[in-house]
């Protein structure tokens, strides 16, 4: 998979599904989390998209 195809795929998913807006609206319930919930969600979604 070359970089331009990956960039096109991410741009498509972002435009169609508005992933950035949806990820930013998530709330975290734990008080002392070392990572932002948006970072974790992006990594999981990205890994799922690459498996497809």
N, C-alpha and C. Protein backbone atom coordinates (compact mmCIF):
# COMPACT_ATOMS: atom_id res chain seq x y z
N UNK A 1 0.87 -1.18 0.00
CA UNK A 1 0.00 0.00 0.00
C UNK A 1 0.91 1.24 0.00
N UNK A 2 0.80 2.06 -1.01
CA UNK A 2 1.66 3.24 -1.05
C UNK A 2 1.04 4.40 -0.26
N UNK A 3 1.84 5.41 -0.05
CA UNK A 3 1.42 6.53 0.81
C UNK A 3 0.27 7.33 0.23
N UNK A 4 0.25 7.50 -1.08
CA UNK A 4 -0.82 8.31 -1.67
C UNK A 4 -2.18 7.60 -1.54
N UNK A 5 -2.18 6.27 -1.69
CA UNK A 5 -3.43 5.52 -1.53
C UNK A 5 -3.91 5.59 -0.09
N UNK A 6 -2.99 5.48 0.85
CA UNK A 6 -3.35 5.57 2.27
C UNK A 6 -3.90 6.95 2.60
N UNK A 7 -3.28 7.99 2.05
CA UNK A 7 -3.75 9.36 2.28
C UNK A 7 -5.14 9.56 1.69
N UNK A 8 -5.37 9.03 0.50
CA UNK A 8 -6.69 9.14 -0.13
C UNK A 8 -7.75 8.42 0.69
N UNK A 9 -7.39 7.25 1.20
CA UNK A 9 -8.34 6.47 1.99
C UNK A 9 -8.70 7.19 3.28
N UNK A 10 -7.71 7.73 3.96
CA UNK A 10 -7.98 8.46 5.20
C UNK A 10 -8.78 9.73 4.94
N UNK A 11 -8.49 10.41 3.85
CA UNK A 11 -9.25 11.61 3.50
C UNK A 11 -10.70 11.26 3.20
N UNK A 12 -10.90 10.17 2.49
CA UNK A 12 -12.26 9.73 2.17
C UNK A 12 -13.04 9.40 3.44
N UNK A 13 -12.46 8.59 4.33
CA UNK A 13 -13.14 8.24 5.58
C UNK A 13 -13.43 9.47 6.42
N UNK A 14 -12.51 10.42 6.43
CA UNK A 14 -12.70 11.63 7.21
C UNK A 14 -13.83 12.48 6.66
N UNK A 15 -13.89 12.62 5.34
CA UNK A 15 -14.94 13.44 4.72
C UNK A 15 -16.31 12.78 4.79
N UNK A 16 -16.37 11.49 4.55
CA UNK A 16 -17.65 10.80 4.50
C UNK A 16 -18.23 10.58 5.89
N UNK A 17 -17.40 10.11 6.81
CA UNK A 17 -17.90 9.74 8.13
C UNK A 17 -17.66 10.80 9.20
N UNK A 18 -16.97 11.89 8.88
CA UNK A 18 -16.67 12.97 9.82
C UNK A 18 -16.07 12.41 11.11
N UNK A 19 -15.02 11.61 10.96
CA UNK A 19 -14.43 10.92 12.10
C UNK A 19 -13.82 11.88 13.10
N UNK A 20 -13.20 12.94 12.64
CA UNK A 20 -12.57 13.88 13.56
C UNK A 20 -13.56 14.52 14.52
N UNK A 21 -14.71 14.90 14.01
CA UNK A 21 -15.74 15.51 14.85
C UNK A 21 -16.29 14.52 15.86
N UNK A 22 -16.52 13.28 15.41
CA UNK A 22 -17.08 12.27 16.30
C UNK A 22 -16.10 11.84 17.37
N UNK A 23 -14.82 11.75 17.01
CA UNK A 23 -13.82 11.37 18.01
C UNK A 23 -13.67 12.45 19.06
N UNK A 24 -13.72 13.69 18.66
CA UNK A 24 -13.55 14.79 19.62
C UNK A 24 -14.72 14.94 20.57
N UNK A 25 -15.88 14.37 20.25
CA UNK A 25 -17.03 14.49 21.14
C UNK A 25 -17.08 13.40 22.20
N UNK A 26 -16.17 12.43 22.13
CA UNK A 26 -16.16 11.36 23.13
C UNK A 26 -15.69 11.89 24.48
N UNK A 27 -16.25 11.35 25.53
CA UNK A 27 -15.86 11.75 26.89
C UNK A 27 -15.15 10.60 27.57
N UNK A 28 -14.20 10.94 28.42
CA UNK A 28 -13.55 9.89 29.20
C UNK A 28 -14.08 9.94 30.63
N UNK A 29 -14.27 8.78 31.19
CA UNK A 29 -14.85 8.68 32.53
C UNK A 29 -13.77 8.51 33.59
N UNK A 30 -12.61 7.99 33.20
CA UNK A 30 -11.53 7.81 34.17
C UNK A 30 -10.84 9.15 34.41
N UNK A 31 -10.44 9.37 35.64
CA UNK A 31 -9.84 10.65 36.00
C UNK A 31 -8.37 10.71 35.59
N UNK A 32 -7.61 9.66 35.86
CA UNK A 32 -6.17 9.70 35.59
C UNK A 32 -5.80 8.78 34.43
N UNK A 33 -6.12 9.20 33.25
CA UNK A 33 -5.78 8.43 32.06
C UNK A 33 -4.55 9.07 31.42
N UNK A 34 -3.52 8.27 31.12
CA UNK A 34 -2.31 8.86 30.53
C UNK A 34 -2.49 9.26 29.06
N UNK A 35 -3.54 8.75 28.41
CA UNK A 35 -3.78 9.05 27.00
C UNK A 35 -5.15 9.68 26.82
N UNK A 36 -5.25 10.50 25.80
CA UNK A 36 -6.55 11.08 25.45
C UNK A 36 -7.42 10.01 24.80
N UNK A 37 -8.70 10.05 25.06
CA UNK A 37 -9.62 9.08 24.47
C UNK A 37 -9.66 9.22 22.95
N UNK A 38 -9.48 10.42 22.45
CA UNK A 38 -9.49 10.61 21.00
C UNK A 38 -8.29 9.93 20.34
N UNK A 39 -7.14 9.92 20.99
CA UNK A 39 -5.96 9.25 20.46
C UNK A 39 -6.17 7.75 20.39
N UNK A 40 -6.71 7.18 21.46
CA UNK A 40 -6.96 5.75 21.50
C UNK A 40 -7.98 5.35 20.44
N UNK A 41 -9.04 6.12 20.31
CA UNK A 41 -10.09 5.82 19.34
C UNK A 41 -9.55 5.90 17.92
N UNK A 42 -8.73 6.90 17.64
CA UNK A 42 -8.17 7.04 16.30
C UNK A 42 -7.28 5.84 15.95
N UNK A 43 -6.47 5.41 16.89
CA UNK A 43 -5.58 4.28 16.65
C UNK A 43 -6.38 3.01 16.38
N UNK A 44 -7.43 2.78 17.15
CA UNK A 44 -8.26 1.58 16.96
C UNK A 44 -8.97 1.63 15.61
N UNK A 45 -9.56 2.76 15.26
CA UNK A 45 -10.24 2.88 13.97
C UNK A 45 -9.27 2.75 12.80
N UNK A 46 -8.10 3.32 12.95
CA UNK A 46 -7.10 3.25 11.89
C UNK A 46 -6.65 1.80 11.68
N UNK A 47 -6.42 1.08 12.77
CA UNK A 47 -6.01 -0.32 12.67
C UNK A 47 -7.13 -1.15 12.02
N UNK A 48 -8.37 -0.87 12.38
CA UNK A 48 -9.50 -1.59 11.79
C UNK A 48 -9.59 -1.32 10.29
N UNK A 49 -9.39 -0.08 9.87
CA UNK A 49 -9.47 0.27 8.46
C UNK A 49 -8.34 -0.40 7.67
N UNK A 50 -7.17 -0.55 8.26
CA UNK A 50 -6.06 -1.17 7.55
C UNK A 50 -6.27 -2.68 7.39
N UNK A 51 -7.00 -3.30 8.28
CA UNK A 51 -7.28 -4.72 8.16
C UNK A 51 -8.26 -4.99 7.04
N UNK A 52 -9.15 -4.05 6.78
CA UNK A 52 -10.13 -4.23 5.71
C UNK A 52 -9.41 -4.18 4.40
